[in-house]
Amino acid sequence: VQALRTINFTSAIGAEETTRAETAAAELAPVSSSVAIDKTPVVE
């Protein structure tokens, strides 16, 4: 939620906020990539 809140500020505020968003994304990357996600399409 915190990382998502930084997104809307990137175009309005500029490079400083873009860096914050990139940092937040980098911090979250190991969390989401360490978990296997089954993306099998739901048929029914």
Full PDB file with SEQRES, HELIX, SHEET, SSBOND, CRYST1, ORIGX, SCALE, CONECT and MASTER records, all heavy atoms in Angstrom:
SEQRES   1 A   44  VAL GLN ALA LEU ARG THR ILE ASN PHE THR SER ALA ILE          
SEQRES   2 A   44  GLY ALA GLU GLU THR THR ARG ALA GLU THR ALA ALA ALA          
SEQRES   3 A   44  GLU LEU ALA PRO VAL SER SER SER VAL ALA ILE ASP LYS          
SEQRES   4 A   44  THR PRO VAL VAL GLU                                          
HELIX    1 AA1 GLN A    2  ARG A    5  1                                   4    
HELIX    2 AA2 PHE A    9  ILE A   13  1                                   5    
HELIX    3 AA3 ALA A   15  SER A   33  1                                  19    
CRYST1    1.000    1.000    1.000  90.00  90.00  90.00 P 1           1          
ORIGX1      1.000000  0.000000  0.000000        0.00000                         
ORIGX2      0.000000  1.000000  0.000000        0.00000                         
ORIGX3      0.000000  0.000000  1.000000        0.00000                         
SCALE1      1.000000  0.000000  0.000000        0.00000                         
SCALE2      0.000000  1.000000  0.000000        0.00000                         
SCALE3      0.000000  0.000000  1.000000        0.00000                         
ATOM      1  N   VAL A   1       0.848  -1.191   0.000  1.00  0.00           N  
ATOM      2  CA  VAL A   1       0.000   0.000   0.000  1.00  0.00           C  
ATOM      3  C   VAL A   1       0.883   1.239   0.000  1.00  0.00           C  
ATOM      4  O   VAL A   1       0.657   2.177  -0.780  1.00  0.00           O  
ATOM      5  CB  VAL A   1      -0.967  -0.001   1.213  1.00  0.00           C  
ATOM      6  CG1 VAL A   1      -1.666   1.340   1.360  1.00  0.00           C  
ATOM      7  CG2 VAL A   1      -1.983  -1.122   1.082  1.00  0.00           C  
ATOM      8  N   GLN A   2       1.921   1.248   0.831  1.00  0.00           N  
ATOM      9  CA  GLN A   2       2.826   2.401   0.903  1.00  0.00           C  
ATOM     10  C   GLN A   2       3.547   2.603  -0.433  1.00  0.00           C  
ATOM     11  O   GLN A   2       3.685   3.731  -0.896  1.00  0.00           O  
ATOM     12  CB  GLN A   2       3.851   2.219   2.029  1.00  0.00           C  
ATOM     13  CG  GLN A   2       3.238   2.243   3.411  1.00  0.00           C  
ATOM     14  CD  GLN A   2       2.558   3.575   3.702  1.00  0.00           C  
ATOM     15  OE1 GLN A   2       1.504   3.875   3.170  1.00  0.00           O  
ATOM     16  NE2 GLN A   2       3.182   4.366   4.535  1.00  0.00           N  
ATOM     17  N   ALA A   3       4.025   1.521  -1.031  1.00  0.00           N  
ATOM     18  CA  ALA A   3       4.715   1.631  -2.313  1.00  0.00           C  
ATOM     19  C   ALA A   3       3.776   2.151  -3.396  1.00  0.00           C  
ATOM     20  O   ALA A   3       4.167   2.985  -4.221  1.00  0.00           O  
ATOM     21  CB  ALA A   3       5.297   0.276  -2.714  1.00  0.00           C  
ATOM     22  N   LEU A   4       2.530   1.687  -3.394  1.00  0.00           N  
ATOM     23  CA  LEU A   4       1.560   2.143  -4.391  1.00  0.00           C  
ATOM     24  C   LEU A   4       1.263   3.631  -4.235  1.00  0.00           C  
ATOM     25  O   LEU A   4       1.045   4.333  -5.227  1.00  0.00           O  
ATOM     26  CB  LEU A   4       0.256   1.345  -4.274  1.00  0.00           C  
ATOM     27  CG  LEU A   4       0.303  -0.089  -4.778  1.00  0.00           C  
ATOM     28  CD1 LEU A   4      -0.923  -0.848  -4.321  1.00  0.00           C  
ATOM     29  CD2 LEU A   4       0.437  -0.121  -6.286  1.00  0.00           C  
ATOM     30  N   ARG A   5       1.252   4.119  -3.009  1.00  0.00           N  
ATOM     31  CA  ARG A   5       0.958   5.538  -2.779  1.00  0.00           C  
ATOM     32  C   ARG A   5       2.016   6.454  -3.361  1.00  0.00           C  
ATOM     33  O   ARG A   5       1.754   7.623  -3.602  1.00  0.00           O  
ATOM     34  CB  ARG A   5       0.780   5.800  -1.288  1.00  0.00           C  
ATOM     35  CG  ARG A   5      -0.528   5.264  -0.783  1.00  0.00           C  
ATOM     36  CD  ARG A   5      -0.824   5.709   0.624  1.00  0.00           C  
ATOM     37  NE  ARG A   5      -2.139   5.240   1.008  1.00  0.00           N  
ATOM     38  CZ  ARG A   5      -2.423   4.669   2.164  1.00  0.00           C  
ATOM     39  NH1 ARG A   5      -1.486   4.531   3.077  1.00  0.00           N  
ATOM     40  NH2 ARG A   5      -3.640   4.261   2.418  1.00  0.00           N  
ATOM     41  N   THR A   6       3.212   5.958  -3.601  1.00  0.00           N  
ATOM     42  CA  THR A   6       4.267   6.801  -4.178  1.00  0.00           C  
ATOM     43  C   THR A   6       4.102   6.977  -5.681  1.00  0.00           C  
ATOM     44  O   THR A   6       4.676   7.899  -6.254  1.00  0.00           O  
ATOM     45  CB  THR A   6       5.669   6.216  -3.899  1.00  0.00           C  
ATOM     46  OG1 THR A   6       5.800   4.968  -4.576  1.00  0.00           O  
ATOM     47  CG2 THR A   6       5.909   6.053  -2.423  1.00  0.00           C  
ATOM     48  N   ILE A   7       3.322   6.118  -6.323  1.00  0.00           N  
ATOM     49  CA  ILE A   7       3.218   6.141  -7.781  1.00  0.00           C  
ATOM     50  C   ILE A   7       2.659   7.457  -8.305  1.00  0.00           C  
ATOM     51  O   ILE A   7       3.208   8.047  -9.217  1.00  0.00           O  
ATOM     52  CB  ILE A   7       2.355   4.968  -8.298  1.00  0.00           C  
ATOM     53  CG1 ILE A   7       3.089   3.662  -8.054  1.00  0.00           C  
ATOM     54  CG2 ILE A   7       2.046   5.121  -9.782  1.00  0.00           C  
ATOM     55  CD1 ILE A   7       2.272   2.441  -8.389  1.00  0.00           C  
ATOM     56  N   ASN A   8       1.564   7.935  -7.761  1.00  0.00           N  
ATOM     57  CA  ASN A   8       0.920   9.130  -8.302  1.00  0.00           C  
ATOM     58  C   ASN A   8       1.757  10.383  -8.148  1.00  0.00           C  
ATOM     59  O   ASN A   8       1.519  11.367  -8.815  1.00  0.00           O  
ATOM     60  CB  ASN A   8      -0.448   9.353  -7.653  1.00  0.00           C  
ATOM     61  CG  ASN A   8      -1.473   8.416  -8.231  1.00  0.00           C  
ATOM     62  OD1 ASN A   8      -1.308   7.917  -9.336  1.00  0.00           O  
ATOM     63  ND2 ASN A   8      -2.515   8.157  -7.489  1.00  0.00           N  
ATOM     64  N   PHE A   9       2.747  10.354  -7.277  1.00  0.00           N  
ATOM     65  CA  PHE A   9       3.565  11.532  -7.081  1.00  0.00           C  
ATOM     66  C   PHE A   9       4.717  11.619  -8.069  1.00  0.00           C  
ATOM     67  O   PHE A   9       5.333  12.652  -8.186  1.00  0.00           O  
ATOM     68  CB  PHE A   9       4.122  11.549  -5.655  1.00  0.00           C  
ATOM     69  CG  PHE A   9       3.038  11.615  -4.617  1.00  0.00           C  
ATOM     70  CD1 PHE A   9       2.764  10.534  -3.808  1.00  0.00           C  
ATOM     71  CD2 PHE A   9       2.279  12.759  -4.467  1.00  0.00           C  
ATOM     72  CE1 PHE A   9       1.755  10.586  -2.868  1.00  0.00           C  
ATOM     73  CE2 PHE A   9       1.266  12.822  -3.523  1.00  0.00           C  
ATOM     74  CZ  PHE A   9       1.010  11.738  -2.722  1.00  0.00           C  
ATOM     75  N   THR A  10       4.999  10.544  -8.807  1.00  0.00           N  
ATOM     76  CA  THR A  10       6.182  10.527  -9.648  1.00  0.00           C  
ATOM     77  C   THR A  10       6.137  11.565 -10.754  1.00  0.00           C  
ATOM     78  O   THR A  10       7.110  12.261 -10.966  1.00  0.00           O  
ATOM     79  CB  THR A  10       6.419   9.136 -10.267  1.00  0.00           C  
ATOM     80  OG1 THR A  10       5.254   8.748 -10.994  1.00  0.00           O  
ATOM     81  CG2 THR A  10       6.753   8.118  -9.213  1.00  0.00           C  
ATOM     82  N   SER A  11       5.020  11.726 -11.438  1.00  0.00           N  
ATOM     83  CA  SER A  11       4.998  12.690 -12.528  1.00  0.00           C  
ATOM     84  C   SER A  11       4.834  14.107 -12.020  1.00  0.00           C  
ATOM     85  O   SER A  11       5.292  15.051 -12.635  1.00  0.00           O  
ATOM     86  CB  SER A  11       3.892  12.355 -13.526  1.00  0.00           C  
ATOM     87  OG  SER A  11       2.637  12.530 -12.921  1.00  0.00           O  
ATOM     88  N   ALA A  12       4.187  14.279 -10.876  1.00  0.00           N  
ATOM     89  CA  ALA A  12       3.934  15.615 -10.361  1.00  0.00           C  
ATOM     90  C   ALA A  12       5.155  16.214  -9.668  1.00  0.00           C  
ATOM     91  O   ALA A  12       5.406  17.401  -9.769  1.00  0.00           O  
ATOM     92  CB  ALA A  12       2.758  15.583  -9.388  1.00  0.00           C  
ATOM     93  N   ILE A  13       5.911  15.406  -8.964  1.00  0.00           N  
ATOM     94  CA  ILE A  13       6.997  15.947  -8.166  1.00  0.00           C  
ATOM     95  C   ILE A  13       8.343  15.787  -8.843  1.00  0.00           C  
ATOM     96  O   ILE A  13       9.191  16.646  -8.730  1.00  0.00           O  
ATOM     97  CB  ILE A  13       6.998  15.302  -6.762  1.00  0.00           C  
ATOM     98  CG1 ILE A  13       5.704  15.694  -6.061  1.00  0.00           C  
ATOM     99  CG2 ILE A  13       8.195  15.723  -5.954  1.00  0.00           C  
ATOM    100  CD1 ILE A  13       5.500  15.041  -4.740  1.00  0.00           C  
ATOM    101  N   GLY A  14       8.548  14.710  -9.562  1.00  0.00           N  
ATOM    102  CA  GLY A  14       9.780  14.592 -10.311  1.00  0.00           C  
ATOM    103  C   GLY A  14      10.690  13.469  -9.865  1.00  0.00           C  
ATOM    104  O   GLY A  14      10.260  12.477  -9.296  1.00  0.00           O  
ATOM    105  N   ALA A  15      11.960  13.653 -10.109  1.00  0.00           N  
ATOM    106  CA  ALA A  15      12.955  12.598  -9.959  1.00  0.00           C  
ATOM    107  C   ALA A  15      13.090  12.093  -8.531  1.00  0.00           C  
ATOM    108  O   ALA A  15      13.324  10.909  -8.315  1.00  0.00           O  
ATOM    109  CB  ALA A  15      14.299  13.093 -10.463  1.00  0.00           C  
ATOM    110  N   GLU A  16      12.965  12.970  -7.531  1.00  0.00           N  
ATOM    111  CA  GLU A  16      13.118  12.538  -6.146  1.00  0.00           C  
ATOM    112  C   GLU A  16      12.079  11.480  -5.789  1.00  0.00           C  
ATOM    113  O   GLU A  16      12.396  10.466  -5.184  1.00  0.00           O  
ATOM    114  CB  GLU A  16      12.990  13.733  -5.211  1.00  0.00           C  
ATOM    115  CG  GLU A  16      13.131  13.359  -3.748  1.00  0.00           C  
ATOM    116  CD  GLU A  16      12.977  14.568  -2.854  1.00  0.00           C  
ATOM    117  OE1 GLU A  16      13.503  15.630  -3.195  1.00  0.00           O  
ATOM    118  OE2 GLU A  16      12.309  14.432  -1.821  1.00  0.00           O  
ATOM    119  N   GLU A  17      10.826  11.715  -6.181  1.00  0.00           N  
ATOM    120  CA  GLU A  17       9.775  10.749  -5.886  1.00  0.00           C  
ATOM    121  C   GLU A  17       9.929   9.494  -6.734  1.00  0.00           C  
ATOM    122  O   GLU A  17       9.603   8.411  -6.288  1.00  0.00           O  
ATOM    123  CB  GLU A  17       8.390  11.373  -6.102  1.00  0.00           C  
ATOM    124  CG  GLU A  17       8.057  12.421  -5.074  1.00  0.00           C  
ATOM    125  CD  GLU A  17       7.958  11.856  -3.664  1.00  0.00           C  
ATOM    126  OE1 GLU A  17       7.591  10.677  -3.503  1.00  0.00           O  
ATOM    127  OE2 GLU A  17       8.266  12.599  -2.724  1.00  0.00           O  
ATOM    128  N   THR A  18      10.403   9.638  -7.976  1.00  0.00           N  
ATOM    129  CA  THR A  18      10.639   8.466  -8.814  1.00  0.00           C  
ATOM    130  C   THR A  18      11.654   7.561  -8.139  1.00  0.00           C  
ATOM    131  O   THR A  18      11.489   6.349  -8.106  1.00  0.00           O  
ATOM    132  CB  THR A  18      11.137   8.887 -10.210  1.00  0.00           C  
ATOM    133  OG1 THR A  18      10.166   9.729 -10.799  1.00  0.00           O  
ATOM    134  CG2 THR A  18      11.393   7.682 -11.090  1.00  0.00           C  
ATOM    135  N   THR A  19      12.684   8.150  -7.575  1.00  0.00           N  
ATOM    136  CA  THR A  19      13.688   7.373  -6.863  1.00  0.00           C  
ATOM    137  C   THR A  19      13.071   6.663  -5.663  1.00  0.00           C  
ATOM    138  O   THR A  19      13.372   5.502  -5.405  1.00  0.00           O  
ATOM    139  CB  THR A  19      14.842   8.288  -6.398  1.00  0.00           C  
ATOM    140  OG1 THR A  19      15.365   8.956  -7.546  1.00  0.00           O  
ATOM    141  CG2 THR A  19      15.935   7.494  -5.732  1.00  0.00           C  
ATOM    142  N   ARG A  20      12.181   7.348  -4.928  1.00  0.00           N  
ATOM    143  CA  ARG A  20      11.508   6.707  -3.798  1.00  0.00           C  
ATOM    144  C   ARG A  20      10.664   5.526  -4.260  1.00  0.00           C  
ATOM    145  O   ARG A  20      10.642   4.485  -3.619  1.00  0.00           O  
ATOM    146  CB  ARG A  20      10.614   7.712  -3.056  1.00  0.00           C  
ATOM    147  CG  ARG A  20      11.323   8.395  -1.964  1.00  0.00           C  
ATOM    148  CD  ARG A  20      10.463   9.185  -1.046  1.00  0.00           C  
ATOM    149  NE  ARG A  20       9.036   8.915  -1.118  1.00  0.00           N  
ATOM    150  CZ  ARG A  20       8.117   9.687  -0.586  1.00  0.00           C  
ATOM    151  NH1 ARG A  20       8.470  10.767   0.062  1.00  0.00           N  
ATOM    152  NH2 ARG A  20       6.848   9.405  -0.681  1.00  0.00           N  
ATOM    153  N   ALA A  21       9.955   5.695  -5.368  1.00  0.00           N  
ATOM    154  CA  ALA A  21       9.123   4.602  -5.888  1.00  0.00           C  
ATOM    155  C   ALA A  21      10.000   3.428  -6.316  1.00  0.00           C  
ATOM    156  O   ALA A  21       9.661   2.274  -6.065  1.00  0.00           O  
ATOM    157  CB  ALA A  21       8.272   5.077  -7.060  1.00  0.00           C  
ATOM    158  N   GLU A  22      11.130   3.725  -6.964  1.00  0.00           N  
ATOM    159  CA  GLU A  22      12.039   2.659  -7.372  1.00  0.00           C  
ATOM    160  C   GLU A  22      12.613   1.942  -6.155  1.00  0.00           C  
ATOM    161  O   GLU A  22      12.741   0.719  -6.149  1.00  0.00           O  
ATOM    162  CB  GLU A  22      13.174   3.228  -8.229  1.00  0.00           C  
ATOM    163  CG  GLU A  22      12.729   3.703  -9.592  1.00  0.00           C  
ATOM    164  CD  GLU A  22      13.816   4.479 -10.323  1.00  0.00           C  
ATOM    165  OE1 GLU A  22      14.821   4.858  -9.702  1.00  0.00           O  
ATOM    166  OE2 GLU A  22      13.636   4.701 -11.516  1.00  0.00           O  
ATOM    167  N   THR A  23      12.956   2.697  -5.119  1.00  0.00           N  
ATOM    168  CA  THR A  23      13.478   2.105  -3.898  1.00  0.00           C  
ATOM    169  C   THR A  23      12.437   1.209  -3.245  1.00  0.00           C  
ATOM    170  O   THR A  23      12.735   0.088  -2.818  1.00  0.00           O  
ATOM    171  CB  THR A  23      13.926   3.203  -2.908  1.00  0.00           C  
ATOM    172  OG1 THR A  23      14.888   4.017  -3.554  1.00  0.00           O  
ATOM    173  CG2 THR A  23      14.498   2.607  -1.645  1.00  0.00           C  
ATOM    174  N   ALA A  24      11.209   1.684  -3.167  1.00  0.00           N  
ATOM    175  CA  ALA A  24      10.131   0.888  -2.576  1.00  0.00           C  
ATOM    176  C   ALA A  24       9.922  -0.387  -3.375  1.00  0.00           C  
ATOM    177  O   ALA A  24       9.743  -1.470  -2.810  1.00  0.00           O  
ATOM    178  CB  ALA A  24       8.841   1.695  -2.507  1.00  0.00           C  
ATOM    179  N   ALA A  25       9.952  -0.283  -4.697  1.00  0.00           N  
ATOM    180  CA  ALA A  25       9.775  -1.456  -5.544  1.00  0.00           C  
ATOM    181  C   ALA A  25      10.919  -2.444  -5.349  1.00  0.00           C  
ATOM    182  O   ALA A  25      10.704  -3.651  -5.281  1.00  0.00           O  
ATOM    183  CB  ALA A  25       9.672  -1.045  -7.010  1.00  0.00           C  
ATOM    184  N   ALA A  26      12.152  -1.927  -5.241  1.00  0.00           N  
ATOM    185  CA  ALA A  26      13.307  -2.801  -5.052  1.00  0.00           C  
ATOM    186  C   ALA A  26      13.241  -3.518  -3.710  1.00  0.00           C  
ATOM    187  O   ALA A  26      13.633  -4.681  -3.600  1.00  0.00           O  
ATOM    188  CB  ALA A  26      14.589  -1.993  -5.156  1.00  0.00           C  
ATOM    189  N   GLU A  27      12.751  -2.830  -2.682  1.00  0.00           N  
ATOM    190  CA  GLU A  27      12.630  -3.452  -1.370  1.00  0.00           C  
ATOM    191  C   GLU A  27      11.596  -4.573  -1.369  1.00  0.00           C  
ATOM    192  O   GLU A  27      11.727  -5.547  -0.653  1.00  0.00           O  
ATOM    193  CB  GLU A  27      12.251  -2.410  -0.316  1.00  0.00           C  
ATOM    194  CG  GLU A  27      13.371  -1.440  -0.009  1.00  0.00           C  
ATOM    195  CD  GLU A  27      12.916  -0.294   0.877  1.00  0.00           C  
ATOM    196  OE1 GLU A  27      11.722  -0.242   1.240  1.00  0.00           O  
ATOM    197  OE2 GLU A  27      13.756   0.557   1.198  1.00  0.00           O  
ATOM    198  N   LEU A  28      10.560  -4.417  -2.178  1.00  0.00           N  
ATOM    199  CA  LEU A  28       9.498  -5.414  -2.216  1.00  0.00           C  
ATOM    200  C   LEU A  28       9.802  -6.573  -3.148  1.00  0.00           C  
ATOM    201  O   LEU A  28       9.201  -7.626  -3.028  1.00  0.00           O  
ATOM    202  CB  LEU A  28       8.180  -4.764  -2.637  1.00  0.00           C  
ATOM    203  CG  LEU A  28       7.627  -3.738  -1.665  1.00  0.00           C  
ATOM    204  CD1 LEU A  28       6.414  -3.066  -2.268  1.00  0.00           C  
ATOM    205  CD2 LEU A  28       7.261  -4.390  -0.352  1.00  0.00           C  
ATOM    206  N   ALA A  29      10.712  -6.394  -4.071  1.00  0.00           N  
ATOM    207  CA  ALA A  29      10.994  -7.406  -5.079  1.00  0.00           C  
ATOM    208  C   ALA A  29      11.335  -8.772  -4.489  1.00  0.00           C  
ATOM    209  O   ALA A  29      10.779  -9.770  -4.912  1.00  0.00           O  
ATOM    210  CB  ALA A  29      12.092  -6.936  -6.025  1.00  0.00           C  
ATOM    211  N   PRO A  30      12.225  -8.869  -3.486  1.00  0.00           N  
ATOM    212  CA  PRO A  30      12.519 -10.202  -2.960  1.00  0.00           C  
ATOM    213  C   PRO A  30      11.306 -10.881  -2.336  1.00  0.00           C  
ATOM    214  O   PRO A  30      11.170 -12.074  -2.414  1.00  0.00           O  
ATOM    215  CB  PRO A  30      13.585  -9.945  -1.890  1.00  0.00           C  
ATOM    216  CG  PRO A  30      14.140  -8.608  -2.200  1.00  0.00           C  
ATOM    217  CD  PRO A  30      13.042  -7.845  -2.891  1.00  0.00           C  
ATOM    218  N   VAL A  31      10.410 -10.105  -1.750  1.00  0.00           N  
ATOM    219  CA  VAL A  31       9.231 -10.681  -1.111  1.00  0.00           C  
ATOM    220  C   VAL A  31       8.343 -11.349  -2.145  1.00  0.00           C  
ATOM    221  O   VAL A  31       7.921 -12.476  -1.980  1.00  0.00           O  
ATOM    222  CB  VAL A  31       8.438  -9.590  -0.342  1.00  0.00           C  
ATOM    223  CG1 VAL A  31       7.122 -10.136   0.159  1.00  0.00           C  
ATOM    224  CG2 VAL A  31       9.273  -9.046   0.791  1.00  0.00           C  
ATOM    225  N   SER A  32       8.051 -10.643  -3.229  1.00  0.00           N  
ATOM    226  CA  SER A  32       7.114 -11.192  -4.199  1.00  0.00           C  
ATOM    227  C   SER A  32       7.747 -12.249  -5.098  1.00  0.00           C  
ATOM    228  O   SER A  32       7.073 -13.124  -5.573  1.00  0.00           O  
ATOM    229  CB  SER A  32       6.500 -10.074  -5.042  1.00  0.00           C  
ATOM    230  OG  SER A  32       7.516  -9.421  -5.765  1.00  0.00           O  
ATOM    231  N   SER A  33       9.058 -12.164  -5.337  1.00  0.00           N  
ATOM    232  CA  SER A  33       9.675 -13.136  -6.232  1.00  0.00           C  
ATOM    233  C   SER A  33      10.026 -14.433  -5.527  1.00  0.00           C  
ATOM    234  O   SER A  33      10.273 -15.428  -6.166  1.00  0.00           O  
ATOM    235  CB  SER A  33      10.917 -12.536  -6.884  1.00  0.00           C  
ATOM    236  OG  SER A  33      11.874 -12.250  -5.884  1.00  0.00           O  
ATOM    237  N   SER A  34      10.048 -14.437  -4.188  1.00  0.00           N  
ATOM    238  CA  SER A  34      10.413 -15.651  -3.474  1.00  0.00           C  
ATOM    239  C   SER A  34       9.253 -16.620  -3.335  1.00  0.00           C  
ATOM    240  O   SER A  34       9.437 -17.746  -2.927  1.00  0.00           O  
ATOM    241  CB  SER A  34      10.965 -15.296  -2.090  1.00  0.00           C  
ATOM    242  OG  SER A  34       9.941 -14.729  -1.318  1.00  0.00           O  
ATOM    243  N   VAL A  35       8.059 -16.192  -3.682  1.00  0.00           N  
ATOM    244  CA  VAL A  35       6.880 -17.034  -3.532  1.00  0.00           C  
ATOM    245  C   VAL A  35       6.425 -17.483  -4.917  1.00  0.00           C  
ATOM    246  O   VAL A  35       6.252 -16.667  -5.808  1.00  0.00           O  
ATOM    247  CB  VAL A  35       5.740 -16.251  -2.832  1.00  0.00           C  
ATOM    248  CG1 VAL A  35       4.503 -17.108  -2.719  1.00  0.00           C  
ATOM    249  CG2 VAL A  35       6.193 -15.764  -1.480  1.00  0.00           C  
ATOM    250  N   ALA A  36       6.244 -18.772  -5.093  1.00  0.00           N  
ATOM    251  CA  ALA A  36       5.774 -19.286  -6.370  1.00  0.00           C  
ATOM    252  C   ALA A  36       4.282 -19.010  -6.503  1.00  0.00           C  
ATOM    253  O   ALA A  36       3.504 -19.309  -5.608  1.00  0.00           O  
ATOM    254  CB  ALA A  36       6.040 -20.787  -6.463  1.00  0.00           C  
ATOM    255  N   ILE A  37       3.913 -18.461  -7.637  1.00  0.00           N  
ATOM    256  CA  ILE A  37       2.511 -18.125  -7.869  1.00  0.00           C  
ATOM    257  C   ILE A  37       2.007 -18.957  -9.032  1.00  0.00           C  
ATOM    258  O   ILE A  37       2.586 -18.950 -10.115  1.00  0.00           O  
ATOM    259  CB  ILE A  37       2.350 -16.628  -8.189  1.00  0.00           C  
ATOM    260  CG1 ILE A  37       2.821 -15.805  -7.001  1.00  0.00           C  
ATOM    261  CG2 ILE A  37       0.915 -16.304  -8.542  1.00  0.00           C  
ATOM    262  CD1 ILE A  37       2.869 -14.337  -7.272  1.00  0.00           C  
ATOM    263  N   ASP A  38       0.920 -19.649  -8.805  1.00  0.00           N  
ATOM    264  CA  ASP A  38       0.303 -20.453  -9.847  1.00  0.00           C  
ATOM    265  C   ASP A  38      -0.579 -19.547 -10.678  1.00  0.00           C  
ATOM    266  O   ASP A  38      -1.586 -19.053 -10.209  1.00  0.00           O  
ATOM    267  CB  ASP A  38      -0.513 -21.585  -9.216  1.00  0.00           C  
ATOM    268  CG  ASP A  38      -1.155 -22.472 -10.253  1.00  0.00           C  
ATOM    269  OD1 ASP A  38      -0.685 -22.462 -11.407  1.00  0.00           O  
ATOM    270  OD2 ASP A  38      -2.116 -23.181  -9.903  1.00  0.00           O  
ATOM    271  N   LYS A  39      -0.173 -19.295 -11.926  1.00  0.00           N  
ATOM    272  CA  LYS A  39      -0.945 -18.424 -12.799  1.00  0.00           C  
ATOM    273  C   LYS A  39      -1.712 -19.245 -13.840  1.00  0.00           C  
ATOM    274  O   LYS A  39      -1.935 -18.788 -14.945  1.00  0.00           O  
ATOM    275  CB  LYS A  39      -0.012 -17.432 -13.489  1.00  0.00           C  
ATOM    276  CG  LYS A  39       0.634 -16.484 -12.525  1.00  0.00           C  
ATOM    277  CD  LYS A  39       0.511 -15.115 -13.005  1.00  0.00           C  
ATOM    278  CE  LYS A  39       1.092 -14.185 -11.976  1.00  0.00           C  
ATOM    279  NZ  LYS A  39       0.803 -12.844 -12.209  1.00  0.00           N  
ATOM    280  N   THR A  40      -2.117 -20.443 -13.471  1.00  0.00           N  
ATOM    281  CA  THR A  40      -2.905 -21.276 -14.354  1.00  0.00           C  
ATOM    282  C   THR A  40      -4.249 -20.606 -14.576  1.00  0.00           C  
ATOM    283  O   THR A  40      -4.917 -20.216 -13.628  1.00  0.00           O  
ATOM    284  CB  THR A  40      -3.130 -22.668 -13.726  1.00  0.00           C  
ATOM    285  OG1 THR A  40      -1.876 -23.201 -13.320  1.00  0.00           O  
ATOM    286  CG2 THR A  40      -3.815 -23.584 -14.701  1.00  0.00           C  
ATOM    287  N   PRO A  41      -4.643 -20.445 -15.844  1.00  0.00           N  
ATOM    288  CA  PRO A  41      -5.922 -19.782 -16.085  1.00  0.00           C  
ATOM    289  C   PRO A  41      -7.088 -20.584 -15.508  1.00  0.00           C  
ATOM    290  O   PRO A  41      -7.100 -21.802 -15.556  1.00  0.00           O  
ATOM    291  CB  PRO A  41      -6.027 -19.702 -17.606  1.00  0.00           C  
ATOM    292  CG  PRO A  41      -4.901 -20.477 -18.165  1.00  0.00           C  
ATOM    293  CD  PRO A  41      -3.970 -20.839 -17.050  1.00  0.00           C  
ATOM    294  N   VAL A  42      -8.040 -19.862 -14.963  1.00  0.00           N  
ATOM    295  CA  VAL A  42      -9.224 -20.487 -14.400  1.00  0.00           C  
ATOM    296  C   VAL A  42     -10.184 -20.782 -15.550  1.00  0.00           C  
ATOM    297  O   VAL A  42     -10.543 -19.902 -16.311  1.00  0.00           O  
ATOM    298  CB  VAL A  42      -9.898 -19.556 -13.370  1.00  0.00           C  
ATOM    299  CG1 VAL A  42     -11.178 -20.161 -12.857  1.00  0.00           C  
ATOM    300  CG2 VAL A  42      -8.938 -19.251 -12.248  1.00  0.00           C  
ATOM    301  N   VAL A  43     -10.553 -22.046 -15.686  1.00  0.00           N  
ATOM    302  CA  VAL A  43     -11.415 -22.454 -16.783  1.00  0.00           C  
ATOM    303  C   VAL A  43     -12.883 -22.374 -16.387  1.00  0.00           C  
ATOM    304  O   VAL A  43     -13.714 -21.953 -17.158  1.00  0.00           O  
ATOM    305  CB  VAL A  43     -11.056 -23.887 -17.244  1.00  0.00           C  
ATOM    306  CG1 VAL A  43     -11.970 -24.348 -18.348  1.00  0.00           C  
ATOM    307  CG2 VAL A  43      -9.608 -23.955 -17.681  1.00  0.00           C  
ATOM    308  N   GLU A  44     -13.191 -22.758 -15.167  1.00  0.00           N  
ATOM    309  CA  GLU A  44     -14.573 -22.785 -14.722  1.00  0.00           C  
ATOM    310  C   GLU A  44     -14.807 -21.699 -13.683  1.00  0.00           C  
ATOM    311  O   GLU A  44     -13.926 -21.382 -12.904  1.00  0.00           O  
ATOM    312  CB  GLU A  44     -14.907 -24.135 -14.103  1.00  0.00           C  
ATOM    313  CG  GLU A  44     -14.826 -25.272 -15.091  1.00  0.00           C  
ATOM    314  CD  GLU A  44     -15.178 -26.589 -14.434  1.00  0.00           C  
ATOM    315  OE1 GLU A  44     -15.991 -26.605 -13.504  1.00  0.00           O  
ATOM    316  OE2 GLU A  44     -14.637 -27.604 -14.864  1.00  0.00           O  
TER     317      GLU A  44                                                      
MASTER        0    0    0    3    0    0    0    6  316    1    0    4          
END                                                                             
